[in-house]
N, C-alpha and C. Protein backbone atom coordinates (compact mmCIF):
# COMPACT_ATOMS: atom_id res chain seq x y z
N UNK A 1 -31.08 2.57 12.15
CA UNK A 1 -30.48 3.86 12.08
C UNK A 1 -28.99 3.88 12.22
N UNK A 2 -28.55 3.07 13.13
CA UNK A 2 -27.08 2.93 13.39
C UNK A 2 -26.31 2.39 12.17
N UNK A 3 -26.94 1.42 11.47
CA UNK A 3 -26.29 0.87 10.28
C UNK A 3 -26.15 1.88 9.16
N UNK A 4 -27.12 2.74 9.02
CA UNK A 4 -27.05 3.70 8.00
C UNK A 4 -25.89 4.76 8.25
N UNK A 5 -25.74 5.05 9.54
CA UNK A 5 -24.66 5.97 9.92
C UNK A 5 -23.30 5.40 9.59
N UNK A 6 -23.22 4.11 9.95
CA UNK A 6 -21.95 3.41 9.61
C UNK A 6 -21.70 3.33 8.14
N UNK A 7 -22.74 3.12 7.37
CA UNK A 7 -22.55 3.08 5.91
C UNK A 7 -22.09 4.45 5.39
N UNK A 8 -22.66 5.58 5.91
CA UNK A 8 -22.35 6.85 5.48
C UNK A 8 -20.84 7.19 5.91
N UNK A 9 -20.46 6.81 7.04
CA UNK A 9 -19.12 7.05 7.48
C UNK A 9 -18.08 6.34 6.56
N UNK A 10 -18.49 5.03 6.34
CA UNK A 10 -17.60 4.26 5.37
C UNK A 10 -17.53 4.86 4.01
N UNK A 11 -18.68 5.30 3.54
CA UNK A 11 -18.67 5.99 2.23
C UNK A 11 -17.79 7.22 2.19
N UNK A 12 -17.95 8.06 3.24
CA UNK A 12 -17.19 9.34 3.28
C UNK A 12 -15.67 9.01 3.42
N UNK A 13 -15.29 8.06 4.27
CA UNK A 13 -13.92 7.81 4.41
C UNK A 13 -13.36 7.14 3.11
N UNK A 14 -14.08 6.26 2.48
CA UNK A 14 -13.62 5.71 1.27
C UNK A 14 -13.49 6.70 0.10
N UNK A 15 -14.43 7.63 0.05
CA UNK A 15 -14.27 8.73 -0.92
C UNK A 15 -13.11 9.58 -0.63
N UNK A 16 -12.87 9.88 0.67
CA UNK A 16 -11.73 10.73 1.02
C UNK A 16 -10.39 9.99 0.63
N UNK A 17 -10.35 8.71 0.85
CA UNK A 17 -9.11 7.98 0.50
C UNK A 17 -8.98 7.92 -1.03
N UNK A 18 -9.98 7.64 -1.74
CA UNK A 18 -9.90 7.65 -3.23
C UNK A 18 -9.40 8.98 -3.84
N UNK A 19 -10.07 10.04 -3.34
CA UNK A 19 -9.66 11.37 -3.75
C UNK A 19 -8.19 11.76 -3.41
N UNK A 20 -7.89 11.28 -2.17
CA UNK A 20 -6.43 11.52 -1.71
C UNK A 20 -5.45 10.82 -2.56
N UNK A 21 -5.74 9.51 -2.83
CA UNK A 21 -4.81 8.74 -3.71
C UNK A 21 -4.79 9.32 -5.11
N UNK A 22 -5.94 9.69 -5.63
CA UNK A 22 -5.97 10.18 -6.99
C UNK A 22 -5.23 11.54 -7.03
N UNK A 23 -5.36 12.39 -6.03
CA UNK A 23 -4.67 13.69 -6.09
C UNK A 23 -3.07 13.42 -5.96
N UNK A 24 -2.69 12.49 -5.08
CA UNK A 24 -1.30 12.22 -5.00
C UNK A 24 -0.75 11.58 -6.28
N UNK A 25 -1.59 10.73 -6.95
CA UNK A 25 -1.14 10.16 -8.22
C UNK A 25 -1.00 11.19 -9.34
N UNK A 26 -1.92 12.10 -9.37
CA UNK A 26 -1.88 13.18 -10.38
C UNK A 26 -0.67 14.02 -10.17
N UNK A 27 -0.36 14.43 -8.93
CA UNK A 27 0.85 15.26 -8.67
C UNK A 27 2.10 14.43 -8.94
N UNK A 28 2.15 13.18 -8.67
CA UNK A 28 3.31 12.37 -8.94
C UNK A 28 3.50 12.30 -10.41
N UNK A 29 2.49 12.08 -11.24
CA UNK A 29 2.58 11.99 -12.74
C UNK A 29 3.02 13.33 -13.21
N UNK A 30 2.54 14.41 -12.69
CA UNK A 30 2.97 15.77 -13.16
C UNK A 30 4.48 15.95 -12.86
N UNK A 31 4.99 15.56 -11.70
CA UNK A 31 6.35 15.73 -11.32
C UNK A 31 7.25 14.84 -12.32
N UNK A 32 6.80 13.63 -12.59
CA UNK A 32 7.59 12.81 -13.52
C UNK A 32 7.61 13.43 -14.88
N UNK A 33 6.46 14.06 -15.34
CA UNK A 33 6.42 14.75 -16.61
C UNK A 33 7.37 15.90 -16.62
N UNK A 34 7.46 16.69 -15.52
CA UNK A 34 8.35 17.77 -15.48
C UNK A 34 9.82 17.29 -15.56
N UNK A 35 10.14 16.26 -14.88
CA UNK A 35 11.53 15.72 -14.93
C UNK A 35 11.86 15.20 -16.36
N UNK A 36 10.97 14.53 -16.97
CA UNK A 36 11.19 13.99 -18.27
C UNK A 36 11.41 15.16 -19.32
N UNK A 37 10.75 16.31 -19.08
CA UNK A 37 10.91 17.43 -19.96
C UNK A 37 12.15 18.27 -19.66
N UNK A 38 12.61 18.28 -18.48
CA UNK A 38 13.79 19.10 -18.10
C UNK A 38 15.12 18.37 -18.30
N UNK A 39 15.14 17.03 -18.23
CA UNK A 39 16.40 16.29 -18.36
C UNK A 39 17.09 16.54 -19.71
N UNK A 40 16.39 16.39 -20.81
CA UNK A 40 17.04 16.49 -22.12
C UNK A 40 17.60 17.90 -22.40
N UNK A 41 16.99 18.95 -21.70
CA UNK A 41 17.42 20.31 -21.92
C UNK A 41 18.58 20.66 -21.01
N UNK A 42 19.01 19.75 -20.13
CA UNK A 42 20.19 20.00 -19.26
C UNK A 42 19.88 20.98 -18.16
N UNK A 43 18.61 21.10 -17.80
CA UNK A 43 18.27 22.01 -16.72
C UNK A 43 18.35 21.36 -15.33
N UNK A 44 18.63 20.10 -15.27
CA UNK A 44 18.64 19.37 -14.09
C UNK A 44 19.92 18.65 -13.82
N UNK A 45 20.40 18.66 -12.64
CA UNK A 45 21.62 17.89 -12.29
C UNK A 45 21.29 16.39 -12.39
N UNK A 46 22.36 15.63 -12.68
CA UNK A 46 22.16 14.16 -12.85
C UNK A 46 21.73 13.43 -11.65
N UNK A 47 22.15 13.92 -10.45
CA UNK A 47 21.82 13.21 -9.20
C UNK A 47 20.36 13.16 -8.93
N UNK A 48 19.57 14.23 -9.35
CA UNK A 48 18.17 14.19 -9.11
C UNK A 48 17.46 13.15 -9.94
N UNK A 49 18.02 12.91 -11.11
CA UNK A 49 17.40 11.85 -11.98
C UNK A 49 17.49 10.48 -11.34
N UNK A 50 18.74 10.23 -10.78
CA UNK A 50 18.91 8.94 -10.19
C UNK A 50 17.94 8.78 -8.93
N UNK A 51 17.74 9.77 -8.13
CA UNK A 51 16.79 9.65 -7.05
C UNK A 51 15.41 9.35 -7.48
N UNK A 52 14.98 10.03 -8.54
CA UNK A 52 13.59 9.81 -9.01
C UNK A 52 13.46 8.41 -9.57
N UNK A 53 14.47 7.96 -10.31
CA UNK A 53 14.40 6.62 -10.90
C UNK A 53 14.34 5.60 -9.79
N UNK A 54 15.13 5.76 -8.74
CA UNK A 54 15.14 4.85 -7.61
C UNK A 54 13.79 4.88 -6.92
N UNK A 55 13.20 6.04 -6.67
CA UNK A 55 11.88 6.16 -6.15
C UNK A 55 10.85 5.40 -6.98
N UNK A 56 10.93 5.61 -8.31
CA UNK A 56 9.96 4.94 -9.17
C UNK A 56 10.11 3.38 -9.11
N UNK A 57 11.31 2.89 -9.08
CA UNK A 57 11.55 1.48 -8.97
C UNK A 57 11.02 0.89 -7.67
N UNK A 58 11.24 1.60 -6.58
CA UNK A 58 10.76 1.16 -5.29
C UNK A 58 9.26 1.20 -5.29
N UNK A 59 8.66 2.29 -5.77
CA UNK A 59 7.22 2.41 -5.77
C UNK A 59 6.58 1.30 -6.66
N UNK A 60 7.16 1.01 -7.77
CA UNK A 60 6.66 -0.11 -8.62
C UNK A 60 6.74 -1.44 -7.95
N UNK A 61 7.85 -1.67 -7.18
CA UNK A 61 8.02 -2.89 -6.41
C UNK A 61 6.90 -3.09 -5.44
N UNK A 62 6.61 -2.02 -4.67
CA UNK A 62 5.54 -2.13 -3.67
C UNK A 62 4.14 -2.32 -4.33
N UNK A 63 3.98 -1.65 -5.49
CA UNK A 63 2.76 -1.81 -6.22
C UNK A 63 2.55 -3.27 -6.65
N UNK A 64 3.57 -3.81 -7.29
CA UNK A 64 3.52 -5.22 -7.77
C UNK A 64 3.34 -6.23 -6.62
N UNK A 65 4.00 -5.91 -5.42
CA UNK A 65 3.73 -6.76 -4.25
C UNK A 65 2.27 -6.69 -3.80
N UNK A 66 1.70 -5.47 -3.83
CA UNK A 66 0.32 -5.37 -3.41
C UNK A 66 -0.61 -6.12 -4.41
N UNK A 67 -0.26 -5.88 -5.73
CA UNK A 67 -1.12 -6.54 -6.74
C UNK A 67 -1.01 -8.09 -6.66
N UNK A 68 0.16 -8.60 -6.46
CA UNK A 68 0.35 -10.06 -6.24
C UNK A 68 -0.39 -10.56 -5.06
N UNK A 69 -0.32 -9.81 -3.96
CA UNK A 69 -1.07 -10.21 -2.73
C UNK A 69 -2.57 -10.21 -2.98
N UNK A 70 -3.06 -9.18 -3.66
CA UNK A 70 -4.46 -9.03 -3.96
C UNK A 70 -4.94 -10.15 -4.84
N UNK A 71 -4.22 -10.48 -5.93
CA UNK A 71 -4.61 -11.55 -6.81
C UNK A 71 -4.54 -12.93 -6.16
N UNK A 72 -3.69 -13.11 -5.17
CA UNK A 72 -3.63 -14.37 -4.41
C UNK A 72 -4.87 -14.57 -3.52
N UNK A 73 -5.54 -13.48 -3.21
CA UNK A 73 -6.69 -13.52 -2.33
C UNK A 73 -6.39 -13.26 -0.91
N UNK A 74 -5.25 -12.64 -0.62
CA UNK A 74 -4.89 -12.32 0.76
C UNK A 74 -5.86 -11.38 1.44
N UNK A 75 -6.55 -10.56 0.65
CA UNK A 75 -7.48 -9.58 1.19
C UNK A 75 -8.94 -10.02 1.25
N UNK A 76 -9.10 -11.29 0.86
CA UNK A 76 -10.51 -11.77 0.82
C UNK A 76 -11.11 -11.97 2.20
N UNK A 77 -10.29 -12.49 3.17
CA UNK A 77 -10.71 -12.77 4.52
C UNK A 77 -9.67 -12.19 5.49
N UNK A 78 -9.96 -10.95 5.93
CA UNK A 78 -8.98 -10.27 6.82
C UNK A 78 -9.00 -10.77 8.22
N UNK A 79 -10.12 -11.38 8.58
CA UNK A 79 -10.28 -11.88 9.98
C UNK A 79 -9.60 -13.13 10.26
N UNK A 80 -9.33 -13.98 9.21
CA UNK A 80 -8.76 -15.29 9.39
C UNK A 80 -7.29 -15.25 9.95
N UNK A 81 -6.58 -14.27 9.56
CA UNK A 81 -5.19 -14.18 9.99
C UNK A 81 -5.05 -14.03 11.47
N UNK A 82 -5.92 -13.24 12.11
CA UNK A 82 -5.75 -13.04 13.58
C UNK A 82 -6.14 -14.32 14.31
N UNK A 83 -7.08 -15.10 13.79
CA UNK A 83 -7.38 -16.34 14.42
C UNK A 83 -6.31 -17.43 14.25
N UNK A 84 -5.62 -17.42 13.13
CA UNK A 84 -4.45 -18.28 12.92
C UNK A 84 -3.37 -17.92 13.86
N UNK A 85 -3.10 -16.64 14.11
CA UNK A 85 -2.08 -16.19 15.03
C UNK A 85 -2.35 -16.64 16.42
N UNK A 86 -3.65 -16.51 16.84
CA UNK A 86 -4.08 -16.93 18.20
C UNK A 86 -3.91 -18.45 18.29
N UNK A 87 -4.22 -19.23 17.30
CA UNK A 87 -4.08 -20.66 17.38
C UNK A 87 -2.60 -21.05 17.49
N UNK A 88 -1.76 -20.39 16.68
CA UNK A 88 -0.31 -20.65 16.76
C UNK A 88 0.18 -20.35 18.17
N UNK A 89 -0.23 -19.27 18.73
CA UNK A 89 0.16 -18.91 20.06
C UNK A 89 -0.18 -19.94 21.11
N UNK A 90 -1.42 -20.43 20.93
CA UNK A 90 -1.90 -21.50 21.83
C UNK A 90 -0.98 -22.76 21.73
N UNK A 91 -0.76 -23.13 20.48
CA UNK A 91 0.11 -24.28 20.23
C UNK A 91 1.54 -24.06 20.85
N UNK A 92 2.07 -22.92 20.69
CA UNK A 92 3.42 -22.62 21.28
C UNK A 92 3.38 -22.76 22.72
N UNK A 93 2.34 -22.16 23.36
CA UNK A 93 2.26 -22.23 24.81
C UNK A 93 2.17 -23.65 25.30
N UNK A 94 1.38 -24.43 24.55
CA UNK A 94 1.24 -25.85 24.93
C UNK A 94 2.55 -26.59 24.85
N UNK A 95 3.27 -26.32 23.77
CA UNK A 95 4.60 -26.92 23.61
C UNK A 95 5.50 -26.50 24.73
N UNK A 96 5.47 -25.25 25.12
CA UNK A 96 6.34 -24.75 26.17
C UNK A 96 6.06 -25.45 27.52
N UNK A 97 4.74 -25.64 27.76
CA UNK A 97 4.24 -26.32 29.02
C UNK A 97 4.76 -27.81 29.05
N UNK A 98 4.78 -28.46 27.87
CA UNK A 98 5.23 -29.82 27.82
C UNK A 98 6.75 -29.96 27.86
N UNK A 99 7.41 -28.83 27.61
CA UNK A 99 8.85 -28.84 27.59
C UNK A 99 9.49 -29.34 26.30
N UNK A 100 8.76 -29.21 25.22
CA UNK A 100 9.28 -29.66 23.90
C UNK A 100 10.12 -28.64 23.33
């Protein structure tokens, strides 16, 4: 019974995240569409265009970093990194005790 509840909570949270990201993406695309339509008509000051272009470049950079990390397999085993950190901490403590 407990496993089913956990599955439902995971499903609900995952659905919430997917819909939230989809909603944010749709509103972002709409805002970019508005900017593209207003710039040629001269209805917008030039400084706003620079801010939006900078935002787009930064967002694309983070997206490509995420994609690169995903394709490298960094998200395949999320538990391994914490054990590596603990092992490195033990090695450092051992080196400090030896005086190295």
